[in-house]
Amino acid sequence: MVTPSRSSTPESPVRPPEGPAEAAAERARPSTAQRFVAFVERSWRPIALLAALFVAWWVVTAAELVEPYLVPSPGDTFAAIAEAPDYFWQHTWTTTYETLLGFVIATAIGVASALVMVQSPTVEKTLYPLLLFAQVIPKIAIAPLFVVWLGFGLGPKIVVAVLMAFFPVVISMVTGLKSVDPEMLELSATMGAKPGQTFWKIRFPASLPHLFSGLKVAATMAVTGAVVGEFVGADAGLGYVILQANGNLDTPVLFAGLLIMSVLGVLLFALVEWLEHLVLPWHASRRADTVTTTL
């Protein structure tokens, strides 16, 4: 019996069929049109509400239901920004820099603290009450102390931003690390996985959805912390703009500072949500409902 040689068997140019996981992932991936439709469906309600609020603001001021020095009109507010764009840009950049730096530091310290607390129940029982105690203290009450200790530079603003953003990060990270399915940990131990492998392959990925939820809150809190620090002692930043405008009864500039501060917080929140979309495409909430996809 003659065995046919390998060369006599022609190689098939057809690609092997995709596995079920790859095929399912390809079908679940939304197209550009679907992404745009999902974005419109998600965004039109808050945009409509925002437009309604601006219309109500304009109606109230146009009908002179309140005095202009109490509530300026939208036109006066935007005119204040248009008349001094460099002024607002300079102070907005200062607050943005303080916010981003405080947010990054708070994230690093919060994640590291959560890792230590999860690994050591003794440390958790020691630090957790202190974290709660520090969180309930009004930051505006202790901000003057940081000015006394650190001066009028960037230090006090960054410290207050860190304190404001730290708590959501550490709490969400601890919750995420503890929410891992015990059966997954038992399975990894049965298969001989080392503690480091278990952490990087199971615990850490499972904690990321919780962590990003905390980061969204921390991003907005960092803006508030930076502005609070500027209220106490500063010569630049949106907090300084708002404080000076309040003292001069310049409500258009005051409202302009508040508006820019709000936009800054929304942009940082959207940035974190975008990063979540890049890092967690496998997250169940995004996989189950494509309407929640923003990008």
Protein backbone atom coordinates (compact mmCIF):
# COMPACT_ATOMS: atom_id res chain seq x y z
CA MET A 1 0.00 0.00 0.00
CA VAL A 2 1.44 3.30 -1.10
CA THR A 3 1.20 6.25 1.23
CA PRO A 4 0.64 9.52 -0.64
CA SER A 5 3.34 12.09 -0.16
CA ARG A 6 2.61 15.41 1.53
CA SER A 7 3.42 17.26 -1.66
CA SER A 8 0.63 15.47 -3.47
CA THR A 9 -1.96 16.98 -1.14
CA PRO A 10 -2.71 20.58 -2.17
CA GLU A 11 -2.82 23.12 0.58
CA SER A 12 -6.17 24.80 1.00
CA PRO A 13 -6.05 28.58 0.52
CA VAL A 14 -9.23 28.94 2.55
CA ARG A 15 -8.75 30.39 6.06
CA PRO A 16 -9.80 28.16 8.92
CA PRO A 17 -13.20 29.02 10.33
CA GLU A 18 -13.24 31.37 13.26
CA GLY A 19 -13.96 30.00 16.67
CA PRO A 20 -17.27 30.71 18.41
CA ALA A 21 -15.71 33.31 20.69
CA GLU A 22 -14.16 35.26 17.80
CA ALA A 23 -17.36 35.07 15.75
CA ALA A 24 -19.47 36.24 18.68
CA ALA A 25 -17.08 39.12 19.37
CA GLU A 26 -17.23 40.16 15.70
CA ARG A 27 -21.02 40.12 15.70
CA ALA A 28 -21.19 42.04 18.99
CA ARG A 29 -18.84 44.80 17.80
CA PRO A 30 -21.03 47.78 16.81
CA SER A 31 -20.48 49.56 13.52
CA THR A 32 -19.75 53.27 13.20
CA ALA A 33 -23.38 54.01 12.37
CA GLN A 34 -24.56 52.03 15.39
CA ARG A 35 -22.11 53.91 17.59
CA PHE A 36 -23.41 57.24 16.29
CA VAL A 37 -27.04 56.22 16.82
CA ALA A 38 -26.20 55.00 20.33
CA PHE A 39 -24.44 58.28 21.09
CA VAL A 40 -27.44 60.30 19.89
CA GLU A 41 -29.87 58.15 21.86
CA ARG A 42 -27.79 58.55 24.98
CA SER A 43 -27.02 62.25 24.64
CA TRP A 44 -30.19 63.93 23.42
CA ARG A 45 -31.94 63.87 26.81
CA PRO A 46 -29.22 65.64 28.83
CA ILE A 47 -28.62 68.03 25.93
CA ALA A 48 -32.32 68.82 25.79
CA LEU A 49 -32.45 69.36 29.54
CA LEU A 50 -29.40 71.62 29.39
CA ALA A 51 -30.99 73.63 26.58
CA ALA A 52 -34.21 73.94 28.59
CA LEU A 53 -32.26 75.23 31.59
CA PHE A 54 -30.53 77.84 29.45
CA VAL A 55 -33.87 78.91 28.00
CA ALA A 56 -35.35 79.20 31.50
CA TRP A 57 -32.29 81.20 32.58
CA TRP A 58 -32.71 83.53 29.61
CA VAL A 59 -36.48 83.93 30.21
CA VAL A 60 -35.98 84.76 33.90
CA THR A 61 -33.37 87.41 33.15
CA ALA A 62 -35.14 88.82 30.08
CA ALA A 63 -38.38 89.22 32.03
CA GLU A 64 -36.40 90.94 34.81
CA LEU A 65 -37.82 88.60 37.43
CA VAL A 66 -34.56 89.05 39.34
CA GLU A 67 -32.12 91.91 39.46
CA PRO A 68 -29.20 91.70 37.00
CA TYR A 69 -26.65 92.08 39.78
CA LEU A 70 -28.07 88.91 41.36
CA VAL A 71 -28.47 86.71 38.27
CA PRO A 72 -26.88 87.94 35.03
CA SER A 73 -28.28 86.94 31.66
CA PRO A 74 -26.61 84.22 29.56
CA GLY A 75 -25.58 86.91 27.09
CA ASP A 76 -23.79 88.94 29.78
CA THR A 77 -22.10 85.80 31.08
CA PHE A 78 -20.74 84.74 27.71
CA ALA A 79 -19.85 88.35 26.92
CA ALA A 80 -17.70 88.43 30.05
CA ILE A 81 -15.78 85.42 28.74
CA ALA A 82 -15.50 86.88 25.23
CA GLU A 83 -14.17 90.20 26.54
CA ALA A 84 -11.28 88.56 28.45
CA PRO A 85 -10.52 85.15 26.91
CA ASP A 86 -6.85 85.21 27.92
CA TYR A 87 -7.79 85.99 31.51
CA PHE A 88 -10.16 83.05 31.77
CA TRP A 89 -7.85 80.71 29.86
CA GLN A 90 -4.94 81.44 32.19
CA HIS A 91 -6.96 80.78 35.33
CA THR A 92 -8.69 77.75 33.80
CA TRP A 93 -5.34 76.21 32.94
CA THR A 94 -4.11 76.76 36.50
CA THR A 95 -7.12 74.97 37.97
CA THR A 96 -6.86 72.20 35.36
CA TYR A 97 -3.21 71.59 36.21
CA GLU A 98 -3.96 71.45 39.93
CA THR A 99 -6.92 69.14 39.33
CA LEU A 100 -5.06 66.69 37.10
CA LEU A 101 -2.06 66.52 39.39
CA GLY A 102 -4.24 66.00 42.46
CA PHE A 103 -6.32 63.39 40.64
CA VAL A 104 -3.27 61.39 39.55
CA ILE A 105 -1.72 61.49 43.02
CA ALA A 106 -5.01 60.52 44.65
CA THR A 107 -5.39 57.61 42.23
CA ALA A 108 -1.89 56.30 42.89
CA ILE A 109 -2.16 56.59 46.67
CA GLY A 110 -5.73 55.25 46.71
CA VAL A 111 -4.92 52.16 44.66
CA ALA A 112 -1.79 51.44 46.70
CA SER A 113 -3.68 51.87 49.98
CA ALA A 114 -6.46 49.56 48.77
CA LEU A 115 -3.95 46.86 47.86
CA VAL A 116 -2.37 47.03 51.31
CA MET A 117 -5.74 47.02 53.06
CA VAL A 118 -6.97 44.00 51.13
CA GLN A 119 -3.80 42.04 51.77
CA SER A 120 -3.75 42.82 55.49
CA PRO A 121 -6.98 42.77 57.51
CA THR A 122 -5.10 44.37 60.39
CA VAL A 123 -4.15 47.35 58.26
CA GLU A 124 -7.71 47.63 56.98
CA LYS A 125 -9.20 47.64 60.46
CA THR A 126 -6.66 50.31 61.45
CA LEU A 127 -6.93 52.62 58.44
CA TYR A 128 -10.60 52.35 57.53
CA PRO A 129 -11.92 54.31 60.57
CA LEU A 130 -9.26 56.95 60.00
CA LEU A 131 -10.29 57.30 56.35
CA LEU A 132 -13.91 57.79 57.36
CA PHE A 133 -12.89 60.34 59.99
CA ALA A 134 -10.81 62.29 57.46
CA GLN A 135 -13.61 62.17 54.88
CA VAL A 136 -16.27 63.73 57.08
CA ILE A 137 -14.06 66.71 57.98
CA PRO A 138 -15.04 69.69 55.77
CA LYS A 139 -12.07 70.41 53.53
CA ILE A 140 -12.84 74.12 53.55
CA ALA A 141 -12.26 74.05 57.32
CA ILE A 142 -8.77 72.55 57.14
CA ALA A 143 -7.64 74.20 53.90
CA PRO A 144 -6.27 77.28 55.77
CA LEU A 145 -3.94 74.95 57.68
CA PHE A 146 -2.37 73.78 54.43
CA VAL A 147 -1.84 77.40 53.40
CA VAL A 148 -0.04 78.04 56.70
CA TRP A 149 2.05 74.90 56.33
CA LEU A 150 2.74 74.97 52.57
CA GLY A 151 2.39 78.64 51.63
CA PHE A 152 0.39 80.21 48.80
CA GLY A 153 1.80 78.09 45.96
CA LEU A 154 0.34 75.03 44.28
CA GLY A 155 0.92 72.81 47.33
CA PRO A 156 -2.27 73.57 49.31
CA LYS A 157 -4.52 73.30 46.24
CA ILE A 158 -3.06 69.96 45.21
CA VAL A 159 -3.31 68.60 48.75
CA VAL A 160 -6.99 69.55 49.01
CA ALA A 161 -7.67 68.04 45.58
CA VAL A 162 -5.96 64.82 46.68
CA LEU A 163 -7.99 64.67 49.88
CA MET A 164 -11.23 65.19 47.98
CA ALA A 165 -10.46 62.56 45.32
CA PHE A 166 -8.71 59.97 47.48
CA PHE A 167 -11.69 58.48 49.32
CA PRO A 168 -13.77 57.40 46.27
CA VAL A 169 -10.71 55.74 44.74
CA VAL A 170 -9.68 53.71 47.76
CA ILE A 171 -13.21 52.63 48.65
CA SER A 172 -14.06 51.54 45.11
CA MET A 173 -10.77 49.69 44.73
CA VAL A 174 -11.22 47.83 48.01
CA THR A 175 -14.75 46.89 47.00
CA GLY A 176 -13.57 45.66 43.62
CA LEU A 177 -10.76 43.54 45.02
CA LYS A 178 -13.14 41.95 47.51
CA SER A 179 -15.90 41.28 45.00
CA VAL A 180 -14.03 38.51 43.18
CA ASP A 181 -15.95 35.24 42.92
CA PRO A 182 -14.48 32.87 45.55
CA GLU A 183 -14.94 29.97 43.16
CA MET A 184 -12.56 31.65 40.71
CA LEU A 185 -9.94 31.98 43.44
CA GLU A 186 -10.40 28.34 44.44
CA LEU A 187 -10.11 27.25 40.81
CA SER A 188 -6.90 29.22 40.32
CA ALA A 189 -5.44 27.73 43.49
CA THR A 190 -6.44 24.24 42.36
CA MET A 191 -4.67 24.78 39.04
CA GLY A 192 -1.50 25.80 40.87
CA ALA A 193 -1.56 29.54 40.19
CA LYS A 194 0.78 31.61 42.29
CA PRO A 195 -0.57 34.56 44.35
CA GLY A 196 0.90 37.05 41.91
CA GLN A 197 -0.66 35.30 38.94
CA THR A 198 -4.02 35.13 40.71
CA PHE A 199 -3.86 38.85 41.42
CA TRP A 200 -2.97 39.99 37.90
CA LYS A 201 -5.18 37.49 36.07
CA ILE A 202 -8.27 37.47 38.31
CA ARG A 203 -8.37 39.98 41.16
CA PHE A 204 -7.09 43.09 39.42
CA PRO A 205 -9.18 42.76 36.20
CA ALA A 206 -12.28 42.06 38.30
CA SER A 207 -11.70 45.22 40.34
CA LEU A 208 -11.38 47.56 37.34
CA PRO A 209 -15.13 48.24 36.84
CA HIS A 210 -15.40 49.29 40.49
CA LEU A 211 -12.21 51.33 40.24
CA PHE A 212 -13.42 53.29 37.22
CA SER A 213 -16.69 54.03 38.99
CA GLY A 214 -14.67 55.58 41.80
CA LEU A 215 -12.42 57.43 39.35
CA LYS A 216 -15.43 59.12 37.76
CA VAL A 217 -16.48 60.47 41.14
CA ALA A 218 -12.90 61.38 42.03
CA ALA A 219 -12.43 63.37 38.81
CA THR A 220 -15.25 65.75 39.69
CA MET A 221 -14.23 65.89 43.35
CA ALA A 222 -10.68 66.85 42.36
CA VAL A 223 -12.03 69.93 40.55
CA THR A 224 -13.95 70.92 43.66
CA GLY A 225 -10.88 70.35 45.84
CA ALA A 226 -8.66 72.52 43.67
CA VAL A 227 -11.21 75.36 43.68
CA VAL A 228 -11.67 75.07 47.45
CA GLY A 229 -7.92 75.38 47.87
CA GLU A 230 -7.96 78.49 45.69
CA PHE A 231 -10.71 80.02 47.80
CA VAL A 232 -8.45 80.01 50.84
CA GLY A 233 -5.34 81.53 49.39
CA ALA A 234 -4.38 81.95 45.74
CA ASP A 235 -3.59 84.51 43.10
CA ALA A 236 -4.66 82.35 40.14
CA GLY A 237 -7.27 79.76 39.26
CA LEU A 238 -11.03 79.65 38.85
CA GLY A 239 -11.51 79.77 42.61
CA TYR A 240 -9.58 83.03 42.66
CA VAL A 241 -11.73 84.36 39.78
CA ILE A 242 -14.96 83.45 41.57
CA LEU A 243 -13.77 84.90 44.87
CA GLN A 244 -12.67 88.19 43.30
CA ALA A 245 -15.87 88.50 41.29
CA ASN A 246 -17.95 87.86 44.39
CA GLY A 247 -16.12 90.57 46.28
CA ASN A 248 -16.64 93.05 43.45
CA LEU A 249 -20.30 92.00 42.89
CA ASP A 250 -19.35 91.19 39.30
CA THR A 251 -21.93 88.45 38.80
CA PRO A 252 -21.29 87.92 35.05
CA VAL A 253 -17.66 87.02 35.77
CA LEU A 254 -18.74 84.95 38.77
CA PHE A 255 -21.22 82.96 36.70
CA ALA A 256 -18.63 82.60 33.95
CA GLY A 257 -16.17 81.08 36.42
CA LEU A 258 -18.82 78.69 37.74
CA LEU A 259 -19.78 77.70 34.20
CA ILE A 260 -16.19 76.99 33.18
CA MET A 261 -15.62 75.03 36.38
CA SER A 262 -18.68 72.87 35.62
CA VAL A 263 -17.53 72.25 32.05
CA LEU A 264 -14.09 71.25 33.34
CA GLY A 265 -15.63 68.69 35.67
CA VAL A 266 -17.81 67.25 32.90
CA LEU A 267 -14.85 66.97 30.53
CA LEU A 268 -12.75 65.13 33.10
CA PHE A 269 -15.65 62.78 33.81
CA ALA A 270 -15.99 62.11 30.07
CA LEU A 271 -12.25 61.50 29.81
CA VAL A 272 -12.37 58.85 32.52
CA GLU A 273 -15.40 57.26 30.87
CA TRP A 274 -13.52 57.15 27.56
CA LEU A 275 -10.55 55.49 29.23
CA GLU A 276 -12.95 52.99 30.79
CA HIS A 277 -14.28 52.19 27.35
CA LEU A 278 -10.74 51.53 26.09
CA VAL A 279 -9.62 49.47 29.09
CA LEU A 280 -12.85 47.55 29.72
CA PRO A 281 -14.38 46.60 26.37
CA TRP A 282 -15.23 43.25 27.93
CA HIS A 283 -17.26 44.72 30.77
CA ALA A 284 -20.65 43.05 31.02
CA SER A 285 -22.62 46.30 31.05
CA ARG A 286 -21.04 47.42 27.78
CA ARG A 287 -21.24 43.97 26.21
CA ALA A 288 -24.92 43.54 27.05
CA ASP A 289 -26.18 46.94 25.94
CA THR A 290 -24.48 48.83 23.12
CA VAL A 291 -26.57 51.90 23.88
CA THR A 292 -24.25 52.64 26.81
CA THR A 293 -21.30 52.97 24.44
CA THR A 294 -20.38 56.62 24.14
CA LEU A 295 -17.56 56.36 21.63
